[in-house]
Amino acid sequence: MASGKTNGNDLHGTVEKEIRKTGRQSQVEIANYQLPVPIEVLLFKEMDAVQKAKQRFKLFPKYLASCASEGSLYAKCVIQTDDPKQNQCEKEFMAFKKCLAEAAKKSGSRI
């Protein structure tokens, strides 16, 4: 085009050539991509999930304290041998895990 302007068809053709040439999408194509949901909704949902996870994580020390005896038994089992094997302390681990889950459930949360 002599005027230096490009129309949508020319731009799309250029993008397709770029993808074929480089094997990846160009920034132009990515910028023109239409999300099925507004980005604000996606970001809010992610941020809400992150906030809830952070709240649960802050309560974790409380759960650990309430399961100190189960945690201690599991730790003793693991350090008893020089070369611990997988599932060697499964019984102690499952008791510790169950205790943590029950402690979280009592406080109305989950792990």
C-alpha atoms as a PDB file:
ATOM      1  CA  MET A   1       0.000   0.000   0.000  1.00  0.00           C
ATOM      2  CA  ALA A   2       1.397   3.329  -0.993  1.00  0.00           C
ATOM      3  CA  SER A   3      -0.050   5.357   1.902  1.00  0.00           C
ATOM      4  CA  GLY A   4       1.835   3.356   4.511  1.00  0.00           C
ATOM      5  CA  LYS A   5      -1.371   2.285   6.243  1.00  0.00           C
ATOM      6  CA  THR A   6      -2.346  -1.348   6.687  1.00  0.00           C
ATOM      7  CA  ASN A   7      -5.808  -2.744   6.883  1.00  0.00           C
ATOM      8  CA  GLY A   8      -6.892  -5.667   9.052  1.00  0.00           C
ATOM      9  CA  ASN A   9      -6.432  -8.245   6.299  1.00  0.00           C
ATOM     10  CA  ASP A  10      -2.853  -7.143   5.616  1.00  0.00           C
ATOM     11  CA  LEU A  11      -2.047  -7.260   9.332  1.00  0.00           C
ATOM     12  CA  HIS A  12      -3.588 -10.705   9.745  1.00  0.00           C
ATOM     13  CA  GLY A  13      -1.612 -11.973   6.738  1.00  0.00           C
ATOM     14  CA  THR A  14       1.571 -10.538   8.241  1.00  0.00           C
ATOM     15  CA  VAL A  15       0.861 -12.261  11.560  1.00  0.00           C
ATOM     16  CA  GLU A  16       0.237 -15.596   9.858  1.00  0.00           C
ATOM     17  CA  LYS A  17       3.519 -15.251   7.935  1.00  0.00           C
ATOM     18  CA  GLU A  18       5.351 -14.423  11.173  1.00  0.00           C
ATOM     19  CA  ILE A  19       3.933 -17.516  12.899  1.00  0.00           C
ATOM     20  CA  ARG A  20       4.921 -19.751   9.990  1.00  0.00           C
ATOM     21  CA  LYS A  21       8.372 -18.165   9.854  1.00  0.00           C
ATOM     22  CA  THR A  22       9.195 -18.239  13.564  1.00  0.00           C
ATOM     23  CA  GLY A  23       6.876 -20.968  14.831  1.00  0.00           C
ATOM     24  CA  ARG A  24       5.421 -18.726  17.531  1.00  0.00           C
ATOM     25  CA  GLN A  25       2.748 -16.098  17.891  1.00  0.00           C
ATOM     26  CA  SER A  26       3.654 -12.462  17.506  1.00  0.00           C
ATOM     27  CA  GLN A  27       2.805  -9.822  20.069  1.00  0.00           C
ATOM     28  CA  VAL A  28       0.290  -8.341  17.644  1.00  0.00           C
ATOM     29  CA  GLU A  29      -1.751 -11.543  17.526  1.00  0.00           C
ATOM     30  CA  ILE A  30      -1.602 -11.968  21.280  1.00  0.00           C
ATOM     31  CA  ALA A  31      -2.714  -8.347  21.769  1.00  0.00           C
ATOM     32  CA  ASN A  32      -5.700  -8.911  19.455  1.00  0.00           C
ATOM     33  CA  TYR A  33      -6.810 -12.078  21.255  1.00  0.00           C
ATOM     34  CA  GLN A  34     -10.256 -11.737  22.813  1.00  0.00           C
ATOM     35  CA  LEU A  35     -10.722 -13.423  26.184  1.00  0.00           C
ATOM     36  CA  PRO A  36     -14.063 -15.169  26.713  1.00  0.00           C
ATOM     37  CA  VAL A  37     -14.267 -13.483  30.144  1.00  0.00           C
ATOM     38  CA  PRO A  38     -13.140  -9.956  31.037  1.00  0.00           C
ATOM     39  CA  ILE A  39      -9.597  -9.965  32.436  1.00  0.00           C
ATOM     40  CA  GLU A  40     -10.782  -8.202  35.602  1.00  0.00           C
ATOM     41  CA  VAL A  41     -12.965 -11.206  36.468  1.00  0.00           C
ATOM     42  CA  LEU A  42     -10.090 -13.632  35.948  1.00  0.00           C
ATOM     43  CA  LEU A  43      -7.723 -11.539  38.056  1.00  0.00           C
ATOM     44  CA  PHE A  44     -10.258 -11.128  40.861  1.00  0.00           C
ATOM     45  CA  LYS A  45     -10.884 -14.874  41.027  1.00  0.00           C
ATOM     46  CA  GLU A  46      -7.168 -15.621  41.184  1.00  0.00           C
ATOM     47  CA  MET A  47      -6.544 -12.981  43.800  1.00  0.00           C
ATOM     48  CA  ASP A  48      -9.453 -14.271  45.882  1.00  0.00           C
ATOM     49  CA  ALA A  49      -8.045 -17.810  45.768  1.00  0.00           C
ATOM     50  CA  VAL A  50      -4.585 -16.542  46.709  1.00  0.00           C
ATOM     51  CA  GLN A  51      -6.001 -14.586  49.646  1.00  0.00           C
ATOM     52  CA  LYS A  52      -7.858 -17.639  50.941  1.00  0.00           C
ATOM     53  CA  ALA A  53      -4.721 -19.778  50.631  1.00  0.00           C
ATOM     54  CA  LYS A  54      -2.705 -17.182  52.543  1.00  0.00           C
ATOM     55  CA  GLN A  55      -5.330 -17.163  55.318  1.00  0.00           C
ATOM     56  CA  ARG A  56      -5.139 -20.961  55.577  1.00  0.00           C
ATOM     57  CA  PHE A  57      -1.332 -20.829  55.575  1.00  0.00           C
ATOM     58  CA  LYS A  58      -1.325 -18.379  58.504  1.00  0.00           C
ATOM     59  CA  LEU A  59      -3.251 -20.934  60.593  1.00  0.00           C
ATOM     60  CA  PHE A  60      -0.816 -23.765  59.856  1.00  0.00           C
ATOM     61  CA  PRO A  61       1.438 -23.178  62.919  1.00  0.00           C
ATOM     62  CA  LYS A  62      -1.651 -23.538  65.114  1.00  0.00           C
ATOM     63  CA  TYR A  63      -2.402 -26.904  63.499  1.00  0.00           C
ATOM     64  CA  LEU A  64       1.202 -28.034  63.912  1.00  0.00           C
ATOM     65  CA  ALA A  65       1.119 -27.118  67.602  1.00  0.00           C
ATOM     66  CA  SER A  66      -2.059 -29.106  68.155  1.00  0.00           C
ATOM     67  CA  CYS A  67      -0.466 -32.143  66.463  1.00  0.00           C
ATOM     68  CA  ALA A  68       2.906 -31.959  68.191  1.00  0.00           C
ATOM     69  CA  SER A  69       2.842 -35.536  69.490  1.00  0.00           C
ATOM     70  CA  GLU A  70       1.953 -37.043  66.089  1.00  0.00           C
ATOM     71  CA  GLY A  71       4.566 -34.865  64.400  1.00  0.00           C
ATOM     72  CA  SER A  72       7.161 -35.894  66.943  1.00  0.00           C
ATOM     73  CA  LEU A  73       6.449 -39.600  66.385  1.00  0.00           C
ATOM     74  CA  TYR A  74       6.770 -39.127  62.626  1.00  0.00           C
ATOM     75  CA  ALA A  75      10.039 -37.204  62.984  1.00  0.00           C
ATOM     76  CA  LYS A  76      11.485 -39.857  65.313  1.00  0.00           C
ATOM     77  CA  CYS A  77      10.606 -42.568  62.832  1.00  0.00           C
ATOM     78  CA  VAL A  78      12.303 -40.724  59.973  1.00  0.00           C
ATOM     79  CA  ILE A  79      15.529 -39.990  61.844  1.00  0.00           C
ATOM     80  CA  GLN A  80      15.893 -43.471  63.383  1.00  0.00           C
ATOM     81  CA  THR A  81      17.739 -44.856  60.370  1.00  0.00           C
ATOM     82  CA  ASP A  82      20.641 -43.521  58.359  1.00  0.00           C
ATOM     83  CA  ASP A  83      18.934 -44.413  55.068  1.00  0.00           C
ATOM     84  CA  PRO A  84      15.150 -43.950  55.340  1.00  0.00           C
ATOM     85  CA  LYS A  85      13.108 -45.653  52.635  1.00  0.00           C
ATOM     86  CA  GLN A  86       9.911 -44.499  51.016  1.00  0.00           C
ATOM     87  CA  ASN A  87       6.783 -45.504  52.999  1.00  0.00           C
ATOM     88  CA  GLN A  88       8.980 -46.663  55.895  1.00  0.00           C
ATOM     89  CA  CYS A  89       7.109 -44.308  58.254  1.00  0.00           C
ATOM     90  CA  GLU A  90       3.793 -44.302  56.418  1.00  0.00           C
ATOM     91  CA  LYS A  91       1.754 -45.185  59.514  1.00  0.00           C
ATOM     92  CA  GLU A  92       3.206 -42.259  61.482  1.00  0.00           C
ATOM     93  CA  PHE A  93       2.872 -39.889  58.533  1.00  0.00           C
ATOM     94  CA  MET A  94      -0.772 -40.797  57.954  1.00  0.00           C
ATOM     95  CA  ALA A  95      -1.525 -40.236  61.662  1.00  0.00           C
ATOM     96  CA  PHE A  96       0.183 -36.819  61.479  1.00  0.00           C
ATOM     97  CA  LYS A  97      -1.649 -35.901  58.270  1.00  0.00           C
ATOM     98  CA  LYS A  98      -4.993 -36.988  59.731  1.00  0.00           C
ATOM     99  CA  CYS A  99      -4.363 -34.914  62.848  1.00  0.00           C
ATOM    100  CA  LEU A 100      -3.581 -31.819  60.764  1.00  0.00           C
ATOM    101  CA  ALA A 101      -6.721 -32.291  58.676  1.00  0.00           C
ATOM    102  CA  GLU A 102      -8.870 -32.704  61.800  1.00  0.00           C
ATOM    103  CA  ALA A 103      -7.332 -29.621  63.419  1.00  0.00           C
ATOM    104  CA  ALA A 104      -8.087 -27.588  60.306  1.00  0.00           C
ATOM    105  CA  LYS A 105     -11.622 -28.954  60.149  1.00  0.00           C
ATOM    106  CA  LYS A 106     -12.248 -27.983  63.803  1.00  0.00           C
ATOM    107  CA  SER A 107     -11.348 -24.394  62.986  1.00  0.00           C
ATOM    108  CA  GLY A 108     -13.622 -24.421  59.903  1.00  0.00           C
ATOM    109  CA  SER A 109     -10.822 -24.595  57.378  1.00  0.00           C
ATOM    110  CA  ARG A 110      -8.874 -27.133  55.388  1.00  0.00           C
ATOM    111  CA  ILE A 111      -5.238 -27.826  54.643  1.00  0.00           C
END
